[in-house]
Amino acid sequence: MINSLIKLKLLKLTIVGAIAGGIATGAFASVVAKEMCKKKKTSEEK
């Protein structure tokens, strides 16, 4: 009984961690993409 509870908690933690990691990765990727766009625009204007 206790063992299954621990497994359930670990499963929840991994799911939450995966979702949080995915959101963090997406946010980081969008920031990098925005910076790339800014650099492209500034280099084209020169």
PDB file of N, CA and C in Angstrom:
ATOM      1  N   MET A   1       0.840  -1.209   0.000  1.00  0.00           N
ATOM      2  CA  MET A   1       0.000   0.000   0.000  1.00  0.00           C
ATOM      3  C   MET A   1       0.878   1.265   0.000  1.00  0.00           C
ATOM      4  N   ILE A   2       1.819   1.317   0.932  1.00  0.00           N
ATOM      5  CA  ILE A   2       2.706   2.481   1.030  1.00  0.00           C
ATOM      6  C   ILE A   2       3.577   2.567  -0.222  1.00  0.00           C
ATOM      7  N   ASN A   3       4.022   1.411  -0.690  1.00  0.00           N
ATOM      8  CA  ASN A   3       4.874   1.356  -1.873  1.00  0.00           C
ATOM      9  C   ASN A   3       4.157   1.938  -3.087  1.00  0.00           C
ATOM     10  N   SER A   4       2.874   1.605  -3.251  1.00  0.00           N
ATOM     11  CA  SER A   4       2.114   2.121  -4.397  1.00  0.00           C
ATOM     12  C   SER A   4       1.890   3.628  -4.261  1.00  0.00           C
ATOM     13  N   LEU A   5       1.742   4.113  -3.034  1.00  0.00           N
ATOM     14  CA  LEU A   5       1.589   5.559  -2.813  1.00  0.00           C
ATOM     15  C   LEU A   5       2.853   6.294  -3.216  1.00  0.00           C
ATOM     16  N   ILE A   6       4.001   5.736  -2.858  1.00  0.00           N
ATOM     17  CA  ILE A   6       5.282   6.356  -3.226  1.00  0.00           C
ATOM     18  C   ILE A   6       5.428   6.372  -4.741  1.00  0.00           C
ATOM     19  N   LYS A   7       5.067   5.258  -5.391  1.00  0.00           N
ATOM     20  CA  LYS A   7       5.143   5.184  -6.851  1.00  0.00           C
ATOM     21  C   LYS A   7       4.236   6.219  -7.491  1.00  0.00           C
ATOM     22  N   LEU A   8       3.034   6.395  -6.931  1.00  0.00           N
ATOM     23  CA  LEU A   8       2.075   7.364  -7.455  1.00  0.00           C
ATOM     24  C   LEU A   8       2.625   8.785  -7.319  1.00  0.00           C
ATOM     25  N   LYS A   9       3.219   9.079  -6.162  1.00  0.00           N
ATOM     26  CA  LYS A   9       3.806  10.411  -5.944  1.00  0.00           C
ATOM     27  C   LYS A   9       4.954  10.656  -6.915  1.00  0.00           C
ATOM     28  N   LEU A  10       5.792   9.638  -7.115  1.00  0.00           N
ATOM     29  CA  LEU A  10       6.908   9.777  -8.052  1.00  0.00           C
ATOM     30  C   LEU A  10       6.392  10.005  -9.461  1.00  0.00           C
ATOM     31  N   LEU A  11       5.331   9.302  -9.827  1.00  0.00           N
ATOM     32  CA  LEU A  11       4.739   9.451 -11.153  1.00  0.00           C
ATOM     33  C   LEU A  11       4.205  10.869 -11.331  1.00  0.00           C
ATOM     34  N   LYS A  12       3.512  11.372 -10.298  1.00  0.00           N
ATOM     35  CA  LYS A  12       2.991  12.751 -10.358  1.00  0.00           C
ATOM     36  C   LYS A  12       4.133  13.751 -10.495  1.00  0.00           C
ATOM     37  N   LEU A  13       5.193  13.532  -9.723  1.00  0.00           N
ATOM     38  CA  LEU A  13       6.354  14.438  -9.776  1.00  0.00           C
ATOM     39  C   LEU A  13       6.995  14.436 -11.155  1.00  0.00           C
ATOM     40  N   THR A  14       7.120  13.247 -11.742  1.00  0.00           N
ATOM     41  CA  THR A  14       7.742  13.182 -13.068  1.00  0.00           C
ATOM     42  C   THR A  14       6.853  13.841 -14.111  1.00  0.00           C
ATOM     43  N   ILE A  15       5.531  13.659 -13.988  1.00  0.00           N
ATOM     44  CA  ILE A  15       4.604  14.279 -14.950  1.00  0.00           C
ATOM     45  C   ILE A  15       4.664  15.802 -14.811  1.00  0.00           C
ATOM     46  N   VAL A  16       4.587  16.288 -13.577  1.00  0.00           N
ATOM     47  CA  VAL A  16       4.654  17.737 -13.334  1.00  0.00           C
ATOM     48  C   VAL A  16       5.999  18.287 -13.801  1.00  0.00           C
ATOM     49  N   GLY A  17       7.062  17.549 -13.517  1.00  0.00           N
ATOM     50  CA  GLY A  17       8.395  17.965 -13.942  1.00  0.00           C
ATOM     51  C   GLY A  17       8.511  18.035 -15.452  1.00  0.00           C
ATOM     52  N   ALA A  18       7.925  17.051 -16.113  1.00  0.00           N
ATOM     53  CA  ALA A  18       7.976  17.015 -17.578  1.00  0.00           C
ATOM     54  C   ALA A  18       7.195  18.180 -18.177  1.00  0.00           C
ATOM     55  N   ILE A  19       6.026  18.460 -17.602  1.00  0.00           N
ATOM     56  CA  ILE A  19       5.207  19.582 -18.100  1.00  0.00           C
ATOM     57  C   ILE A  19       5.939  20.904 -17.861  1.00  0.00           C
ATOM     58  N   ALA A  20       6.463  21.076 -16.650  1.00  0.00           N
ATOM     59  CA  ALA A  20       7.200  22.302 -16.315  1.00  0.00           C
ATOM     60  C   ALA A  20       8.427  22.449 -17.209  1.00  0.00           C
ATOM     61  N   GLY A  21       9.114  21.345 -17.438  1.00  0.00           N
ATOM     62  CA  GLY A  21      10.287  21.363 -18.312  1.00  0.00           C
ATOM     63  C   GLY A  21       9.911  21.735 -19.732  1.00  0.00           C
ATOM     64  N   GLY A  22       8.794  21.209 -20.192  1.00  0.00           N
ATOM     65  CA  GLY A  22       8.318  21.524 -21.542  1.00  0.00           C
ATOM     66  C   GLY A  22       7.969  22.993 -21.684  1.00  0.00           C
ATOM     67  N   ILE A  23       7.307  23.531 -20.661  1.00  0.00           N
ATOM     68  CA  ILE A  23       6.939  24.958 -20.690  1.00  0.00           C
ATOM     69  C   ILE A  23       8.204  25.818 -20.664  1.00  0.00           C
ATOM     70  N   ALA A  24       9.153  25.458 -19.794  1.00  0.00           N
ATOM     71  CA  ALA A  24      10.401  26.209 -19.688  1.00  0.00           C
ATOM     72  C   ALA A  24      11.173  26.162 -21.004  1.00  0.00           C
ATOM     73  N   THR A  25      11.217  24.995 -21.606  1.00  0.00           N
ATOM     74  CA  THR A  25      11.920  24.842 -22.887  1.00  0.00           C
ATOM     75  C   THR A  25      11.241  25.683 -23.965  1.00  0.00           C
ATOM     76  N   GLY A  26       9.908  25.660 -23.996  1.00  0.00           N
ATOM     77  CA  GLY A  26       9.158  26.443 -24.975  1.00  0.00           C
ATOM     78  C   GLY A  26       9.384  27.933 -24.789  1.00  0.00           C
ATOM     79  N   ALA A  27       9.375  28.369 -23.538  1.00  0.00           N
ATOM     80  CA  ALA A  27       9.596  29.790 -23.246  1.00  0.00           C
ATOM     81  C   ALA A  27      11.004  30.204 -23.669  1.00  0.00           C
ATOM     82  N   PHE A  28      11.975  29.370 -23.337  1.00  0.00           N
ATOM     83  CA  PHE A  28      13.374  29.652 -23.698  1.00  0.00           C
ATOM     84  C   PHE A  28      13.535  29.703 -25.215  1.00  0.00           C
ATOM     85  N   ALA A  29      12.906  28.745 -25.903  1.00  0.00           N
ATOM     86  CA  ALA A  29      12.997  28.690 -27.369  1.00  0.00           C
ATOM     87  C   ALA A  29      12.362  29.932 -27.996  1.00  0.00           C
ATOM     88  N   SER A  30      11.234  30.392 -27.436  1.00  0.00           N
ATOM     89  CA  SER A  30      10.578  31.574 -28.004  1.00  0.00           C
ATOM     90  C   SER A  30      11.424  32.829 -27.774  1.00  0.00           C
ATOM     91  N   VAL A  31      12.070  32.904 -26.625  1.00  0.00           N
ATOM     92  CA  VAL A  31      12.948  34.049 -26.341  1.00  0.00           C
ATOM     93  C   VAL A  31      14.120  34.050 -27.324  1.00  0.00           C
ATOM     94  N   VAL A  32      14.711  32.882 -27.531  1.00  0.00           N
ATOM     95  CA  VAL A  32      15.831  32.763 -28.470  1.00  0.00           C
ATOM     96  C   VAL A  32      15.368  33.130 -29.881  1.00  0.00           C
ATOM     97  N   ALA A  33      14.183  32.662 -30.269  1.00  0.00           N
ATOM     98  CA  ALA A  33      13.649  32.958 -31.600  1.00  0.00           C
ATOM     99  C   ALA A  33      13.421  34.461 -31.767  1.00  0.00           C
ATOM    100  N   LYS A  34      12.893  35.112 -30.727  1.00  0.00           N
ATOM    101  CA  LYS A  34      12.670  36.568 -30.790  1.00  0.00           C
ATOM    102  C   LYS A  34      13.985  37.307 -30.948  1.00  0.00           C
ATOM    103  N   GLU A  35      15.002  36.886 -30.199  1.00  0.00           N
ATOM    104  CA  GLU A  35      16.321  37.509 -30.294  1.00  0.00           C
ATOM    105  C   GLU A  35      16.907  37.328 -31.688  1.00  0.00           C
ATOM    106  N   MET A  36      16.719  36.142 -32.269  1.00  0.00           N
ATOM    107  CA  MET A  36      17.215  35.879 -33.622  1.00  0.00           C
ATOM    108  C   MET A  36      16.524  36.800 -34.620  1.00  0.00           C
ATOM    109  N   CYS A  37      15.209  36.986 -34.443  1.00  0.00           N
ATOM    110  CA  CYS A  37      14.464  37.876 -35.340  1.00  0.00           C
ATOM    111  C   CYS A  37      14.973  39.311 -35.213  1.00  0.00           C
ATOM    112  N   LYS A  38      15.201  39.763 -33.989  1.00  0.00           N
ATOM    113  CA  LYS A  38      15.715  41.112 -33.771  1.00  0.00           C
ATOM    114  C   LYS A  38      17.067  41.291 -34.459  1.00  0.00           C
ATOM    115  N   LYS A  39      17.942  40.304 -34.311  1.00  0.00           N
ATOM    116  CA  LYS A  39      19.274  40.387 -34.907  1.00  0.00           C
ATOM    117  C   LYS A  39      19.174  40.405 -36.432  1.00  0.00           C
ATOM    118  N   LYS A  40      18.271  39.607 -36.973  1.00  0.00           N
ATOM    119  CA  LYS A  40      18.093  39.564 -38.434  1.00  0.00           C
ATOM    120  C   LYS A  40      17.609  40.926 -38.944  1.00  0.00           C
ATOM    121  N   LYS A  41      16.628  41.504 -38.236  1.00  0.00           N
ATOM    122  CA  LYS A  41      16.081  42.801 -38.651  1.00  0.00           C
ATOM    123  C   LYS A  41      17.142  43.891 -38.584  1.00  0.00           C
ATOM    124  N   THR A  42      17.927  43.903 -37.509  1.00  0.00           N
ATOM    125  CA  THR A  42      18.950  44.946 -37.364  1.00  0.00           C
ATOM    126  C   THR A  42      20.050  44.759 -38.410  1.00  0.00           C
ATOM    127  N   SER A  43      20.403  43.522 -38.733  1.00  0.00           N
ATOM    128  CA  SER A  43      21.453  43.299 -39.732  1.00  0.00           C
ATOM    129  C   SER A  43      20.962  43.646 -41.136  1.00  0.00           C
ATOM    130  N   GLU A  44      19.653  43.471 -41.374  1.00  0.00           N
ATOM    131  CA  GLU A  44      19.098  43.810 -42.695  1.00  0.00           C
ATOM    132  C   GLU A  44      19.013  45.314 -42.899  1.00  0.00           C
ATOM    133  N   GLU A  45      18.766  46.048 -41.816  1.00  0.00           N
ATOM    134  CA  GLU A  45      18.626  47.504 -41.908  1.00  0.00           C
ATOM    135  C   GLU A  45      19.955  48.185 -42.215  1.00  0.00           C
ATOM    136  N   LYS A  46      21.043  47.606 -41.786  1.00  0.00           N
ATOM    137  CA  LYS A  46      22.369  48.229 -41.959  1.00  0.00           C
ATOM    138  C   LYS A  46      22.846  48.233 -43.376  1.00  0.00           C
TER     139      LYS A  46
END
